[in-house]
Amino acid sequence: MQRYVLSVLVENHAGVLSRVSGLFSRRGYNIDSLTVGETHNPGQSRMTIVVSGDEYILDQIKKQLSKLVEVISIIHCVPSETVVREMALIKVCAAGDKRIGVIETANIFRARIVDVAVESVVIEVTGSEDKVASLIRLLEPYGIKELVRTGLTAMGRGEGILE
């Protein structure tokens, strides 16, 4: 099974997310990742949807999405032509001697410490899925108290616009 990243431009009003996600559940397709945010045009939102499957499933998803009135455009994001990033907040045990190791590990990944408490720190990391996963793996021995990942977001490279 292959993973596909779709950039879907939709009208920005109530119920659109529900209709899009409902379409996936009715067809039995799983959403691996979903992020949604308003674009530079307040009347539009961009959904970045990651799905797994084959070319047939990708084609079916695109056809079904295009039937929704609120969908303006659907772009299959080709990896070589797209910048794809994810952000994570990771709360890590960092009391006493552990703190130095946690901070050094975060620095290697160009992650930022965004909160410090007596027993823990919160780290913010942005990058590819592999970068985020690698940092999480290296922080696990210290003890991860809490973890939140945003899911993928994508934008066309160079002069290309995902519209």
N, C-alpha and C. Protein backbone atom coordinates (compact mmCIF):
# COMPACT_ATOMS: atom_id res chain seq x y z
N MET A 1 0.83 -1.18 0.00
CA MET A 1 0.00 0.00 0.00
C MET A 1 0.87 1.25 0.00
N GLN A 2 0.47 2.22 -0.76
CA GLN A 2 1.21 3.46 -0.86
C GLN A 2 0.45 4.56 -0.12
N ARG A 3 1.20 5.56 0.34
CA ARG A 3 0.57 6.71 1.00
C ARG A 3 0.48 7.86 0.01
N TYR A 4 -0.65 8.54 0.03
CA TYR A 4 -0.88 9.67 -0.86
C TYR A 4 -1.24 10.90 -0.02
N VAL A 5 -0.72 12.04 -0.44
CA VAL A 5 -1.05 13.31 0.21
C VAL A 5 -1.92 14.10 -0.77
N LEU A 6 -3.10 14.48 -0.31
CA LEU A 6 -4.02 15.28 -1.11
C LEU A 6 -4.17 16.66 -0.49
N SER A 7 -4.12 17.69 -1.30
CA SER A 7 -4.39 19.05 -0.86
C SER A 7 -5.76 19.42 -1.43
N VAL A 8 -6.71 19.66 -0.55
CA VAL A 8 -8.09 19.90 -0.97
C VAL A 8 -8.50 21.31 -0.54
N LEU A 9 -8.78 22.16 -1.51
CA LEU A 9 -9.25 23.52 -1.24
C LEU A 9 -10.77 23.47 -1.16
N VAL A 10 -11.31 23.97 -0.04
CA VAL A 10 -12.77 23.90 0.18
C VAL A 10 -13.29 25.25 0.63
N GLU A 11 -14.60 25.41 0.50
CA GLU A 11 -15.25 26.60 1.04
C GLU A 11 -15.17 26.54 2.56
N ASN A 12 -14.93 27.67 3.18
CA ASN A 12 -14.74 27.73 4.62
C ASN A 12 -16.06 28.05 5.31
N HIS A 13 -16.83 27.01 5.56
CA HIS A 13 -18.05 27.19 6.37
C HIS A 13 -18.39 25.92 7.12
N ALA A 14 -19.30 26.05 8.06
CA ALA A 14 -19.64 24.95 8.96
C ALA A 14 -20.11 23.71 8.20
N GLY A 15 -19.66 22.56 8.66
CA GLY A 15 -20.12 21.29 8.14
C GLY A 15 -19.28 20.70 7.02
N VAL A 16 -18.36 21.47 6.45
CA VAL A 16 -17.56 20.95 5.33
C VAL A 16 -16.66 19.81 5.80
N LEU A 17 -15.98 20.00 6.91
CA LEU A 17 -15.11 18.94 7.43
C LEU A 17 -15.91 17.66 7.69
N SER A 18 -17.09 17.81 8.24
CA SER A 18 -17.94 16.65 8.52
C SER A 18 -18.32 15.92 7.24
N ARG A 19 -18.65 16.67 6.20
CA ARG A 19 -19.02 16.04 4.94
C ARG A 19 -17.83 15.31 4.30
N VAL A 20 -16.65 15.93 4.35
CA VAL A 20 -15.47 15.30 3.77
C VAL A 20 -15.11 14.04 4.55
N SER A 21 -15.04 14.13 5.88
CA SER A 21 -14.67 12.94 6.67
C SER A 21 -15.75 11.86 6.56
N GLY A 22 -17.01 12.26 6.48
CA GLY A 22 -18.10 11.31 6.31
C GLY A 22 -17.99 10.54 5.01
N LEU A 23 -17.55 11.22 3.97
CA LEU A 23 -17.34 10.57 2.67
C LEU A 23 -16.34 9.42 2.81
N PHE A 24 -15.25 9.68 3.54
CA PHE A 24 -14.23 8.64 3.74
C PHE A 24 -14.80 7.47 4.55
N SER A 25 -15.52 7.77 5.62
CA SER A 25 -16.01 6.67 6.47
C SER A 25 -17.08 5.85 5.75
N ARG A 26 -17.95 6.50 4.97
CA ARG A 26 -18.98 5.76 4.23
C ARG A 26 -18.37 4.81 3.22
N ARG A 27 -17.24 5.17 2.65
CA ARG A 27 -16.58 4.34 1.64
C ARG A 27 -15.60 3.34 2.26
N GLY A 28 -15.40 3.43 3.58
CA GLY A 28 -14.49 2.50 4.26
C GLY A 28 -13.03 2.83 4.08
N TYR A 29 -12.71 4.09 3.74
CA TYR A 29 -11.33 4.52 3.58
C TYR A 29 -10.86 5.17 4.88
N ASN A 30 -9.65 4.83 5.28
CA ASN A 30 -9.08 5.41 6.50
C ASN A 30 -8.30 6.67 6.15
N ILE A 31 -8.41 7.68 7.01
CA ILE A 31 -7.60 8.88 6.89
C ILE A 31 -6.42 8.71 7.83
N ASP A 32 -5.20 8.69 7.28
CA ASP A 32 -3.99 8.55 8.10
C ASP A 32 -3.67 9.85 8.82
N SER A 33 -3.94 10.98 8.17
CA SER A 33 -3.65 12.29 8.74
C SER A 33 -4.57 13.30 8.08
N LEU A 34 -5.03 14.28 8.86
CA LEU A 34 -5.91 15.32 8.34
C LEU A 34 -5.61 16.62 9.07
N THR A 35 -5.24 17.64 8.31
CA THR A 35 -5.08 18.97 8.89
C THR A 35 -5.93 19.94 8.07
N VAL A 36 -6.48 20.93 8.75
CA VAL A 36 -7.33 21.90 8.09
C VAL A 36 -7.00 23.28 8.64
N GLY A 37 -6.93 24.25 7.75
CA GLY A 37 -6.71 25.62 8.18
C GLY A 37 -7.19 26.60 7.13
N GLU A 38 -7.56 27.77 7.60
CA GLU A 38 -7.99 28.85 6.71
C GLU A 38 -6.82 29.28 5.83
N THR A 39 -7.08 29.63 4.59
CA THR A 39 -6.05 30.10 3.68
C THR A 39 -5.94 31.62 3.79
N HIS A 40 -5.16 32.23 2.90
CA HIS A 40 -5.06 33.70 2.87
C HIS A 40 -6.39 34.33 2.50
N ASN A 41 -7.29 33.53 1.92
CA ASN A 41 -8.65 33.96 1.62
C ASN A 41 -9.55 33.41 2.72
N PRO A 42 -10.12 34.28 3.56
CA PRO A 42 -10.93 33.78 4.70
C PRO A 42 -12.14 32.93 4.29
N GLY A 43 -12.54 32.98 3.03
CA GLY A 43 -13.67 32.19 2.55
C GLY A 43 -13.30 30.78 2.16
N GLN A 44 -11.99 30.45 2.26
CA GLN A 44 -11.53 29.13 1.86
C GLN A 44 -10.63 28.51 2.93
N SER A 45 -10.68 27.20 3.01
CA SER A 45 -9.79 26.44 3.89
C SER A 45 -9.06 25.40 3.05
N ARG A 46 -7.89 25.02 3.51
CA ARG A 46 -7.14 23.96 2.84
C ARG A 46 -7.08 22.76 3.77
N MET A 47 -7.45 21.61 3.23
CA MET A 47 -7.34 20.34 3.95
C MET A 47 -6.16 19.58 3.36
N THR A 48 -5.28 19.12 4.21
CA THR A 48 -4.22 18.21 3.77
C THR A 48 -4.60 16.84 4.31
N ILE A 49 -4.88 15.93 3.40
CA ILE A 49 -5.38 14.60 3.77
C ILE A 49 -4.37 13.56 3.31
N VAL A 50 -3.96 12.69 4.23
CA VAL A 50 -3.06 11.59 3.90
C VAL A 50 -3.86 10.29 3.97
N VAL A 51 -3.81 9.53 2.87
CA VAL A 51 -4.54 8.27 2.78
C VAL A 51 -3.61 7.17 2.29
N SER A 52 -3.94 5.94 2.62
CA SER A 52 -3.17 4.79 2.14
C SER A 52 -4.03 3.99 1.19
N GLY A 53 -3.38 3.42 0.20
CA GLY A 53 -4.11 2.59 -0.75
C GLY A 53 -3.33 2.44 -2.04
N ASP A 54 -4.06 2.09 -3.09
CA ASP A 54 -3.43 1.98 -4.40
C ASP A 54 -3.98 3.08 -5.30
N GLU A 55 -3.57 3.06 -6.56
CA GLU A 55 -4.00 4.10 -7.52
C GLU A 55 -5.52 4.10 -7.67
N TYR A 56 -6.14 2.93 -7.64
CA TYR A 56 -7.59 2.84 -7.79
C TYR A 56 -8.30 3.58 -6.64
N ILE A 57 -7.83 3.32 -5.41
CA ILE A 57 -8.44 3.98 -4.25
C ILE A 57 -8.23 5.49 -4.33
N LEU A 58 -7.02 5.92 -4.71
CA LEU A 58 -6.75 7.36 -4.87
C LEU A 58 -7.71 7.97 -5.88
N ASP A 59 -7.89 7.30 -7.00
CA ASP A 59 -8.79 7.80 -8.04
C ASP A 59 -10.23 7.89 -7.52
N GLN A 60 -10.68 6.88 -6.79
CA GLN A 60 -12.04 6.87 -6.25
C GLN A 60 -12.23 8.01 -5.24
N ILE A 61 -11.23 8.23 -4.39
CA ILE A 61 -11.32 9.31 -3.40
C ILE A 61 -11.43 10.65 -4.10
N LYS A 62 -10.59 10.87 -5.11
CA LYS A 62 -10.63 12.14 -5.85
C LYS A 62 -11.99 12.34 -6.53
N LYS A 63 -12.54 11.29 -7.13
CA LYS A 63 -13.84 11.38 -7.79
C LYS A 63 -14.95 11.71 -6.79
N GLN A 64 -14.92 11.03 -5.64
CA GLN A 64 -15.96 11.27 -4.63
C GLN A 64 -15.85 12.68 -4.04
N LEU A 65 -14.61 13.12 -3.76
CA LEU A 65 -14.42 14.47 -3.23
C LEU A 65 -14.91 15.53 -4.21
N SER A 66 -14.65 15.31 -5.49
CA SER A 66 -15.03 16.31 -6.49
C SER A 66 -16.54 16.46 -6.62
N LYS A 67 -17.30 15.49 -6.14
CA LYS A 67 -18.77 15.56 -6.17
C LYS A 67 -19.33 16.49 -5.08
N LEU A 68 -18.52 16.77 -4.06
CA LEU A 68 -18.99 17.65 -2.98
C LEU A 68 -18.99 19.10 -3.47
N VAL A 69 -20.09 19.78 -3.30
CA VAL A 69 -20.26 21.15 -3.78
C VAL A 69 -19.22 22.10 -3.18
N GLU A 70 -18.84 21.88 -1.94
CA GLU A 70 -17.92 22.79 -1.24
C GLU A 70 -16.46 22.62 -1.67
N VAL A 71 -16.15 21.56 -2.38
CA VAL A 71 -14.77 21.30 -2.80
C VAL A 71 -14.46 22.14 -4.04
N ILE A 72 -13.41 22.96 -3.92
CA ILE A 72 -13.00 23.84 -5.01
C ILE A 72 -11.96 23.16 -5.90
N SER A 73 -10.96 22.54 -5.28
CA SER A 73 -9.94 21.84 -6.06
C SER A 73 -9.32 20.73 -5.24
N ILE A 74 -8.77 19.73 -5.96
CA ILE A 74 -8.11 18.59 -5.33
C ILE A 74 -6.78 18.40 -6.05
N ILE A 75 -5.70 18.39 -5.30
CA ILE A 75 -4.38 18.19 -5.88
C ILE A 75 -3.72 16.98 -5.20
N HIS A 76 -3.23 16.05 -6.00
CA HIS A 76 -2.40 14.96 -5.48
C HIS A 76 -0.99 15.52 -5.37
N CYS A 77 -0.45 15.61 -4.18
CA CYS A 77 0.85 16.22 -3.93
C CYS A 77 1.95 15.21 -4.22
N VAL A 78 2.65 15.40 -5.32
CA VAL A 78 3.77 14.55 -5.70
C VAL A 78 4.96 14.91 -4.81
N PRO A 79 5.58 13.94 -4.13
CA PRO A 79 6.64 14.24 -3.17
C PRO A 79 7.76 15.14 -3.70
N SER A 80 8.21 14.92 -4.94
CA SER A 80 9.31 15.70 -5.48
C SER A 80 8.92 17.15 -5.76
N GLU A 81 7.62 17.45 -5.80
CA GLU A 81 7.15 18.80 -6.12
C GLU A 81 6.48 19.48 -4.93
N THR A 82 6.59 18.88 -3.77
CA THR A 82 5.84 19.37 -2.61
C THR A 82 6.71 19.41 -1.36
N VAL A 83 6.54 20.48 -0.58
CA VAL A 83 7.15 20.55 0.74
C VAL A 83 6.10 20.03 1.73
N VAL A 84 6.47 19.01 2.49
CA VAL A 84 5.55 18.40 3.45
C VAL A 84 6.18 18.48 4.83
N ARG A 85 5.42 18.99 5.81
CA ARG A 85 5.92 19.13 7.17
C ARG A 85 4.87 18.71 8.18
N GLU A 86 5.38 18.42 9.38
CA GLU A 86 4.54 18.07 10.52
C GLU A 86 5.12 18.78 11.74
N MET A 87 4.28 19.07 12.71
CA MET A 87 4.75 19.67 13.95
C MET A 87 4.29 18.79 15.10
N ALA A 88 5.12 18.72 16.15
CA ALA A 88 4.76 17.94 17.33
C ALA A 88 5.16 18.70 18.58
N LEU A 89 4.38 18.54 19.62
CA LEU A 89 4.71 19.01 20.97
C LEU A 89 4.92 17.76 21.81
N ILE A 90 6.07 17.70 22.47
CA ILE A 90 6.43 16.50 23.24
C ILE A 90 6.79 16.92 24.66
N LYS A 91 6.03 16.44 25.64
CA LYS A 91 6.35 16.70 27.04
C LYS A 91 7.19 15.53 27.55
N VAL A 92 8.42 15.84 28.00
CA VAL A 92 9.38 14.82 28.36
C VAL A 92 9.80 14.98 29.81
N CYS A 93 9.93 13.88 30.53
CA CYS A 93 10.48 13.91 31.89
C CYS A 93 11.91 14.47 31.79
N ALA A 94 12.20 15.48 32.59
CA ALA A 94 13.52 16.10 32.51
C ALA A 94 13.94 16.64 33.86
N ALA A 95 13.88 15.80 34.86
CA ALA A 95 14.29 16.20 36.20
C ALA A 95 15.77 15.90 36.39
N GLY A 96 16.43 16.74 37.13
CA GLY A 96 17.83 16.50 37.51
C GLY A 96 18.76 16.31 36.34
N ASP A 97 19.53 15.22 36.38
CA ASP A 97 20.56 14.94 35.37
C ASP A 97 19.97 14.68 33.97
N LYS A 98 18.72 14.28 33.90
CA LYS A 98 18.10 13.99 32.61
C LYS A 98 17.96 15.25 31.74
N ARG A 99 17.79 16.40 32.38
CA ARG A 99 17.47 17.63 31.66
C ARG A 99 18.51 17.96 30.59
N ILE A 100 19.77 17.82 30.90
CA ILE A 100 20.83 18.16 29.94
C ILE A 100 20.73 17.27 28.70
N GLY A 101 20.52 15.96 28.90
CA GLY A 101 20.39 15.04 27.78
C GLY A 101 19.20 15.36 26.91
N VAL A 102 18.07 15.70 27.53
CA VAL A 102 16.86 16.04 26.79
C VAL A 102 17.09 17.29 25.95
N ILE A 103 17.69 18.31 26.55
CA ILE A 103 17.94 19.57 25.84
C ILE A 103 18.92 19.36 24.69
N GLU A 104 19.98 18.60 24.92
CA GLU A 104 20.95 18.32 23.85
C GLU A 104 20.30 17.55 22.70
N THR A 105 19.47 16.59 23.02
CA THR A 105 18.77 15.83 21.98
C THR A 105 17.86 16.75 21.17
N ALA A 106 17.13 17.62 21.85
CA ALA A 106 16.26 18.58 21.15
C ALA A 106 17.08 19.48 20.24
N ASN A 107 18.22 19.95 20.72
CA ASN A 107 19.07 20.84 19.92
C ASN A 107 19.59 20.18 18.66
N ILE A 108 19.92 18.89 18.74
CA ILE A 108 20.40 18.17 17.56
C ILE A 108 19.36 18.22 16.44
N PHE A 109 18.08 18.19 16.81
CA PHE A 109 16.99 18.19 15.83
C PHE A 109 16.47 19.60 15.54
N ARG A 110 17.17 20.61 16.04
CA ARG A 110 16.75 22.01 15.89
C ARG A 110 15.33 22.21 16.41
N ALA A 111 15.01 21.48 17.46
CA ALA A 111 13.72 21.62 18.12
C ALA A 111 13.85 22.72 19.18
N ARG A 112 12.72 23.25 19.60
CA ARG A 112 12.74 24.33 20.59
C ARG A 112 12.11 23.86 21.89
N ILE A 113 12.68 24.32 22.99
CA ILE A 113 12.06 24.10 24.30
C ILE A 113 11.07 25.26 24.48
N VAL A 114 9.78 24.94 24.60
CA VAL A 114 8.76 25.98 24.68
C VAL A 114 8.15 26.11 26.07
N ASP A 115 8.47 25.16 26.96
CA ASP A 115 7.99 25.25 28.34
C ASP A 115 8.93 24.43 29.22
N VAL A 116 9.22 24.99 30.40
CA VAL A 116 10.09 24.30 31.35
C VAL A 116 9.38 24.25 32.69
N ALA A 117 9.33 23.07 33.27
CA ALA A 117 8.79 22.87 34.61
C ALA A 117 9.85 22.13 35.43
N VAL A 118 9.61 21.95 36.71
CA VAL A 118 10.57 21.30 37.58
C VAL A 118 10.88 19.88 37.12
N GLU A 119 9.87 19.13 36.72
CA GLU A 119 10.04 17.72 36.37
C GLU A 119 10.01 17.43 34.87
N SER A 120 9.71 18.44 34.03
CA SER A 120 9.55 18.17 32.60
C SER A 120 9.86 19.39 31.74
N VAL A 121 9.99 19.14 30.44
CA VAL A 121 10.09 20.21 29.45
C VAL A 121 9.15 19.86 28.30
N VAL A 122 8.67 20.89 27.61
CA VAL A 122 7.87 20.68 26.41
C VAL A 122 8.72 21.12 25.23
N ILE A 123 8.84 20.22 24.26
CA ILE A 123 9.65 20.44 23.07
C ILE A 123 8.74 20.59 21.87
N GLU A 124 9.04 21.57 21.03
CA GLU A 124 8.33 21.77 19.76
C GLU A 124 9.28 21.41 18.64
N VAL A 125 8.86 20.53 17.76
CA VAL A 125 9.68 20.14 16.61
C VAL A 125 8.84 20.23 15.34
N THR A 126 9.46 20.72 14.28
CA THR A 126 8.81 20.81 12.98
C THR A 126 9.72 20.19 11.95
N GLY A 127 9.16 19.42 11.04
CA GLY A 127 9.96 18.83 9.97
C GLY A 127 9.23 17.69 9.30
N SER A 128 9.99 16.86 8.64
CA SER A 128 9.40 15.70 7.97
C SER A 128 8.89 14.71 9.02
N GLU A 129 8.03 13.81 8.58
CA GLU A 129 7.52 12.77 9.49
C GLU A 129 8.67 11.97 10.09
N ASP A 130 9.68 11.68 9.26
CA ASP A 130 10.83 10.90 9.73
C ASP A 130 11.60 11.65 10.82
N LYS A 131 11.77 12.95 10.64
CA LYS A 131 12.49 13.75 11.65
C LYS A 131 11.73 13.74 12.97
N VAL A 132 10.43 13.96 12.91
CA VAL A 132 9.61 13.98 14.13
C VAL A 132 9.65 12.61 14.80
N ALA A 133 9.50 11.55 14.01
CA ALA A 133 9.51 10.18 14.57
C ALA A 133 10.87 9.85 15.19
N SER A 134 11.95 10.29 14.55
CA SER A 134 13.29 10.02 15.08
C SER A 134 13.51 10.71 16.42
N LEU A 135 13.07 11.96 16.52
CA LEU A 135 13.21 12.67 17.80
C LEU A 135 12.40 11.98 18.88
N ILE A 136 11.19 11.59 18.57
CA ILE A 136 10.35 10.89 19.55
C ILE A 136 11.04 9.61 20.02
N ARG A 137 11.58 8.86 19.08
CA ARG A 137 12.27 7.61 19.42
C ARG A 137 13.45 7.87 20.37
N LEU A 138 14.21 8.94 20.13
CA LEU A 138 15.35 9.24 20.98
C LEU A 138 14.95 9.80 22.35
N LEU A 139 13.76 10.38 22.43
CA LEU A 139 13.29 10.91 23.71
C LEU A 139 12.58 9.87 24.56
N GLU A 140 12.15 8.77 23.97
CA GLU A 140 11.41 7.74 24.71
C GLU A 140 12.14 7.23 25.95
N PRO A 141 13.46 7.00 25.91
CA PRO A 141 14.14 6.51 27.11
C PRO A 141 14.07 7.48 28.30
N TYR A 142 13.88 8.77 28.04
CA TYR A 142 13.76 9.75 29.12
C TYR A 142 12.37 9.71 29.76
N GLY A 143 11.40 9.24 29.01
CA GLY A 143 10.02 9.15 29.49
C GLY A 143 9.16 10.26 28.89
N ILE A 144 8.37 9.91 27.92
CA ILE A 144 7.46 10.88 27.31
C ILE A 144 6.17 10.88 28.12
N LYS A 145 5.83 12.06 28.65
CA LYS A 145 4.61 12.20 29.46
C LYS A 145 3.38 12.45 28.58
N GLU A 146 3.58 13.20 27.51
CA GLU A 146 2.47 13.57 26.64
C GLU A 146 3.02 13.89 25.26
N LEU A 147 2.21 13.60 24.23
CA LEU A 147 2.65 13.80 22.85
C LEU A 147 1.46 14.23 22.01
N VAL A 148 1.65 15.29 21.21
CA VAL A 148 0.62 15.75 20.28
C VAL A 148 1.29 16.01 18.94
N ARG A 149 0.74 15.40 17.88
CA ARG A 149 1.26 15.62 16.52
C ARG A 149 0.16 16.26 15.69
N THR A 150 0.56 17.19 14.81
CA THR A 150 -0.42 17.92 14.02
C THR A 150 -0.93 17.16 12.81
N GLY A 151 -0.15 16.23 12.31
CA GLY A 151 -0.46 15.65 11.01
C GLY A 151 0.26 16.47 9.95
N LEU A 152 0.24 15.98 8.73
CA LEU A 152 1.00 16.63 7.67
C LEU A 152 0.30 17.86 7.12
N THR A 153 1.10 18.78 6.66
CA THR A 153 0.62 19.91 5.88
C THR A 153 1.55 20.05 4.69
N ALA A 154 1.04 20.52 3.55
CA ALA A 154 1.81 20.50 2.32
C ALA A 154 1.65 21.78 1.53
N MET A 155 2.70 22.11 0.76
CA MET A 155 2.68 23.27 -0.12
C MET A 155 3.58 22.97 -1.32
N GLY A 156 3.17 23.43 -2.50
CA GLY A 156 3.96 23.21 -3.72
C GLY A 156 5.31 23.92 -3.64
N ARG A 157 6.33 23.27 -4.18
CA ARG A 157 7.67 23.86 -4.22
C ARG A 157 7.73 24.97 -5.27
N GLY A 158 8.70 25.87 -5.11
CA GLY A 158 8.98 26.89 -6.11
C GLY A 158 7.78 27.76 -6.40
N GLU A 159 7.54 27.99 -7.65
CA GLU A 159 6.46 28.87 -8.08
C GLU A 159 5.10 28.16 -8.12
N GLY A 160 5.11 26.85 -7.94
CA GLY A 160 3.86 26.08 -7.98
C GLY A 160 2.93 26.45 -6.85
N ILE A 161 1.65 26.54 -7.16
CA ILE A 161 0.64 26.86 -6.15
C ILE A 161 -0.36 25.71 -6.13
N LEU A 162 -0.68 25.24 -4.94
CA LEU A 162 -1.68 24.17 -4.80
C LEU A 162 -3.06 24.81 -4.81
N GLU A 163 -3.63 25.00 -5.98
CA GLU A 163 -4.96 25.60 -6.09
C GLU A 163 -5.85 24.72 -6.93
